[in-house]
Amino acid sequence: MRKARVRRFFVIAAPVVAIIAAVGAYLIYRSTTAAGEYDVFAKCLTERGIKMYGAFWCPHCEDQRKDFGRSFRYVNYVECGVRGNLNAQTEVCMRSGIESYPTWEFIDGSRVKGRVPLQILSGLSGCELKAEG
């Protein structure tokens, strides 16, 4: 009798677990592959050699990431923060002379510090800001 209950539990539980796992995998896949609203704009910035220096702990950097939404994955982003030491900076950022976050660097070496509205980035870069969604 106990074996029958255990077997019935697994017959019911296994498909439920499989369905939950499949839905979870699909949602993860969809969130990493779905097009972002500013994909073309972010790709253009990167193609033009524009970089954003930032730090994982920086609230202004997080706001800038949110401005791009999913499209931020196409921005040439350089992480300057060092996990475990909020006062430290990565070697690449020290060599580049980055003093604040975020810092946008253009191919000619010019920089803009702080969170920059996408419309301003568009004007500075020559990349068209057009929502694709």
C-alpha atoms as a PDB file:
ATOM      1  CA  MET A   1       0.000   0.000   0.000  1.00  0.00           C
ATOM      2  CA  ARG A   2       2.821   2.433   0.881  1.00  0.00           C
ATOM      3  CA  LYS A   3       4.661   1.588  -2.362  1.00  0.00           C
ATOM      4  CA  ALA A   4       1.545   2.342  -4.359  1.00  0.00           C
ATOM      5  CA  ARG A   5       1.250   5.793  -2.761  1.00  0.00           C
ATOM      6  CA  VAL A   6       4.918   6.568  -3.396  1.00  0.00           C
ATOM      7  CA  ARG A   7       4.602   5.409  -7.005  1.00  0.00           C
ATOM      8  CA  ARG A   8       1.447   7.506  -7.509  1.00  0.00           C
ATOM      9  CA  PHE A   9       3.218  10.537  -6.000  1.00  0.00           C
ATOM     10  CA  PHE A  10       6.101  10.218  -8.479  1.00  0.00           C
ATOM     11  CA  VAL A  11       3.760   9.617 -11.399  1.00  0.00           C
ATOM     12  CA  ILE A  12       2.041  12.911 -10.593  1.00  0.00           C
ATOM     13  CA  ALA A  13       5.052  14.893  -9.338  1.00  0.00           C
ATOM     14  CA  ALA A  14       7.501  14.075 -12.151  1.00  0.00           C
ATOM     15  CA  PRO A  15       5.446  15.644 -14.970  1.00  0.00           C
ATOM     16  CA  VAL A  16       4.671  18.700 -12.815  1.00  0.00           C
ATOM     17  CA  VAL A  17       8.369  19.230 -12.066  1.00  0.00           C
ATOM     18  CA  ALA A  18       9.213  18.723 -15.762  1.00  0.00           C
ATOM     19  CA  ILE A  19       6.621  21.309 -16.816  1.00  0.00           C
ATOM     20  CA  ILE A  20       7.877  23.841 -14.252  1.00  0.00           C
ATOM     21  CA  ALA A  21      11.475  23.294 -15.405  1.00  0.00           C
ATOM     22  CA  ALA A  22      10.494  23.675 -19.073  1.00  0.00           C
ATOM     23  CA  VAL A  23       8.575  26.909 -18.430  1.00  0.00           C
ATOM     24  CA  GLY A  24      11.495  28.280 -16.399  1.00  0.00           C
ATOM     25  CA  ALA A  25      13.982  27.411 -19.144  1.00  0.00           C
ATOM     26  CA  TYR A  26      11.758  29.034 -21.767  1.00  0.00           C
ATOM     27  CA  LEU A  27      11.414  32.242 -19.733  1.00  0.00           C
ATOM     28  CA  ILE A  28      15.177  32.456 -19.237  1.00  0.00           C
ATOM     29  CA  TYR A  29      15.783  31.809 -22.937  1.00  0.00           C
ATOM     30  CA  ARG A  30      13.215  34.404 -23.947  1.00  0.00           C
ATOM     31  CA  SER A  31      14.614  37.064 -21.620  1.00  0.00           C
ATOM     32  CA  THR A  32      18.143  36.613 -22.970  1.00  0.00           C
ATOM     33  CA  THR A  33      17.254  36.428 -26.663  1.00  0.00           C
ATOM     34  CA  ALA A  34      14.336  38.816 -27.055  1.00  0.00           C
ATOM     35  CA  ALA A  35      15.107  42.005 -28.921  1.00  0.00           C
ATOM     36  CA  GLY A  36      15.527  45.131 -26.873  1.00  0.00           C
ATOM     37  CA  GLU A  37      13.958  48.463 -27.677  1.00  0.00           C
ATOM     38  CA  TYR A  38      17.297  50.152 -28.470  1.00  0.00           C
ATOM     39  CA  ASP A  39      19.350  47.290 -29.946  1.00  0.00           C
ATOM     40  CA  VAL A  40      20.264  49.170 -33.134  1.00  0.00           C
ATOM     41  CA  PHE A  41      21.240  52.279 -31.161  1.00  0.00           C
ATOM     42  CA  ALA A  42      23.381  50.334 -28.657  1.00  0.00           C
ATOM     43  CA  LYS A  43      25.091  48.396 -31.456  1.00  0.00           C
ATOM     44  CA  CYS A  44      25.814  51.658 -33.280  1.00  0.00           C
ATOM     45  CA  LEU A  45      27.483  53.110 -30.168  1.00  0.00           C
ATOM     46  CA  THR A  46      29.700  50.052 -29.923  1.00  0.00           C
ATOM     47  CA  GLU A  47      30.515  50.068 -33.644  1.00  0.00           C
ATOM     48  CA  ARG A  48      31.647  53.682 -33.270  1.00  0.00           C
ATOM     49  CA  GLY A  49      34.049  52.760 -30.476  1.00  0.00           C
ATOM     50  CA  ILE A  50      32.052  54.387 -27.674  1.00  0.00           C
ATOM     51  CA  LYS A  51      32.521  52.849 -24.217  1.00  0.00           C
ATOM     52  CA  MET A  52      30.738  53.200 -20.928  1.00  0.00           C
ATOM     53  CA  TYR A  53      32.883  52.804 -17.825  1.00  0.00           C
ATOM     54  CA  GLY A  54      30.927  51.948 -14.715  1.00  0.00           C
ATOM     55  CA  ALA A  55      30.829  50.041 -11.458  1.00  0.00           C
ATOM     56  CA  PHE A  56      28.434  47.353 -10.281  1.00  0.00           C
ATOM     57  CA  TRP A  57      27.713  49.301  -7.086  1.00  0.00           C
ATOM     58  CA  CYS A  58      27.033  52.650  -8.834  1.00  0.00           C
ATOM     59  CA  PRO A  59      23.348  53.712  -8.738  1.00  0.00           C
ATOM     60  CA  HIS A  60      23.801  56.124 -11.674  1.00  0.00           C
ATOM     61  CA  CYS A  61      25.269  53.280 -13.734  1.00  0.00           C
ATOM     62  CA  GLU A  62      22.268  51.137 -12.877  1.00  0.00           C
ATOM     63  CA  ASP A  63      19.948  53.938 -13.989  1.00  0.00           C
ATOM     64  CA  GLN A  64      21.895  54.232 -17.265  1.00  0.00           C
ATOM     65  CA  ARG A  65      21.560  50.464 -17.801  1.00  0.00           C
ATOM     66  CA  LYS A  66      17.816  50.754 -17.213  1.00  0.00           C
ATOM     67  CA  ASP A  67      17.617  53.524 -19.843  1.00  0.00           C
ATOM     68  CA  PHE A  68      18.798  50.960 -22.408  1.00  0.00           C
ATOM     69  CA  GLY A  69      16.756  48.051 -21.025  1.00  0.00           C
ATOM     70  CA  ARG A  70      17.600  44.730 -22.684  1.00  0.00           C
ATOM     71  CA  SER A  71      19.634  46.574 -25.275  1.00  0.00           C
ATOM     72  CA  PHE A  72      22.364  47.362 -22.741  1.00  0.00           C
ATOM     73  CA  ARG A  73      23.938  43.993 -23.574  1.00  0.00           C
ATOM     74  CA  TYR A  74      25.155  45.586 -26.838  1.00  0.00           C
ATOM     75  CA  VAL A  75      26.821  48.575 -25.144  1.00  0.00           C
ATOM     76  CA  ASN A  76      30.612  48.352 -24.889  1.00  0.00           C
ATOM     77  CA  TYR A  77      30.650  48.350 -21.088  1.00  0.00           C
ATOM     78  CA  VAL A  78      33.837  48.335 -19.026  1.00  0.00           C
ATOM     79  CA  GLU A  79      33.446  47.250 -15.395  1.00  0.00           C
ATOM     80  CA  CYS A  80      35.647  49.290 -13.055  1.00  0.00           C
ATOM     81  CA  GLY A  81      34.388  47.973  -9.724  1.00  0.00           C
ATOM     82  CA  VAL A  82      36.252  45.353  -7.734  1.00  0.00           C
ATOM     83  CA  ARG A  83      34.047  42.947  -5.815  1.00  0.00           C
ATOM     84  CA  GLY A  84      34.906  42.857  -2.144  1.00  0.00           C
ATOM     85  CA  ASN A  85      36.536  46.311  -2.167  1.00  0.00           C
ATOM     86  CA  LEU A  86      34.314  49.257  -3.038  1.00  0.00           C
ATOM     87  CA  ASN A  87      37.305  51.618  -2.876  1.00  0.00           C
ATOM     88  CA  ALA A  88      39.325  49.680  -5.462  1.00  0.00           C
ATOM     89  CA  GLN A  89      39.270  50.071  -9.238  1.00  0.00           C
ATOM     90  CA  THR A  90      40.238  47.641 -11.986  1.00  0.00           C
ATOM     91  CA  GLU A  91      43.606  48.099 -13.694  1.00  0.00           C
ATOM     92  CA  VAL A  92      42.054  48.995 -17.051  1.00  0.00           C
ATOM     93  CA  CYS A  93      40.053  51.823 -15.478  1.00  0.00           C
ATOM     94  CA  MET A  94      43.055  53.132 -13.537  1.00  0.00           C
ATOM     95  CA  ARG A  95      45.155  53.161 -16.732  1.00  0.00           C
ATOM     96  CA  SER A  96      42.316  54.941 -18.542  1.00  0.00           C
ATOM     97  CA  GLY A  97      42.122  57.611 -15.840  1.00  0.00           C
ATOM     98  CA  ILE A  98      38.467  57.008 -15.017  1.00  0.00           C
ATOM     99  CA  GLU A  99      37.516  59.159 -12.028  1.00  0.00           C
ATOM    100  CA  SER A 100      33.732  58.845 -11.805  1.00  0.00           C
ATOM    101  CA  TYR A 101      30.904  56.603 -12.945  1.00  0.00           C
ATOM    102  CA  PRO A 102      29.425  56.341 -15.388  1.00  0.00           C
ATOM    103  CA  THR A 103      31.914  57.810 -17.831  1.00  0.00           C
ATOM    104  CA  TRP A 104      31.231  57.665 -21.555  1.00  0.00           C
ATOM    105  CA  GLU A 105      34.345  57.701 -23.727  1.00  0.00           C
ATOM    106  CA  PHE A 106      34.255  58.487 -27.442  1.00  0.00           C
ATOM    107  CA  ILE A 107      36.659  57.358 -30.153  1.00  0.00           C
ATOM    108  CA  ASP A 108      38.354  60.794 -30.222  1.00  0.00           C
ATOM    109  CA  GLY A 109      39.162  60.455 -26.509  1.00  0.00           C
ATOM    110  CA  SER A 110      36.544  62.947 -25.332  1.00  0.00           C
ATOM    111  CA  ARG A 111      34.458  61.981 -22.310  1.00  0.00           C
ATOM    112  CA  VAL A 112      31.132  62.757 -20.735  1.00  0.00           C
ATOM    113  CA  LYS A 113      30.702  61.989 -17.035  1.00  0.00           C
ATOM    114  CA  GLY A 114      27.482  60.966 -15.350  1.00  0.00           C
ATOM    115  CA  ARG A 115      24.220  59.476 -16.546  1.00  0.00           C
ATOM    116  CA  VAL A 116      23.609  60.764 -20.059  1.00  0.00           C
ATOM    117  CA  PRO A 117      20.104  60.852 -21.575  1.00  0.00           C
ATOM    118  CA  LEU A 118      19.882  58.636 -24.651  1.00  0.00           C
ATOM    119  CA  GLN A 119      18.903  61.632 -26.794  1.00  0.00           C
ATOM    120  CA  ILE A 120      22.171  63.369 -25.815  1.00  0.00           C
ATOM    121  CA  LEU A 121      24.179  60.206 -26.526  1.00  0.00           C
ATOM    122  CA  SER A 122      22.507  60.082 -29.909  1.00  0.00           C
ATOM    123  CA  GLY A 123      23.548  63.648 -30.697  1.00  0.00           C
ATOM    124  CA  LEU A 124      27.124  63.145 -29.479  1.00  0.00           C
ATOM    125  CA  SER A 125      27.588  59.838 -31.291  1.00  0.00           C
ATOM    126  CA  GLY A 126      25.655  60.403 -34.505  1.00  0.00           C
ATOM    127  CA  CYS A 127      23.787  57.149 -33.817  1.00  0.00           C
ATOM    128  CA  GLU A 128      20.071  57.406 -34.501  1.00  0.00           C
ATOM    129  CA  LEU A 129      17.893  56.906 -31.455  1.00  0.00           C
ATOM    130  CA  LYS A 130      14.849  55.054 -32.638  1.00  0.00           C
ATOM    131  CA  ALA A 131      12.832  52.601 -30.562  1.00  0.00           C
ATOM    132  CA  GLU A 132      12.448  49.316 -32.422  1.00  0.00           C
ATOM    133  CA  GLY A 133       9.659  47.785 -30.408  1.00  0.00           C
END
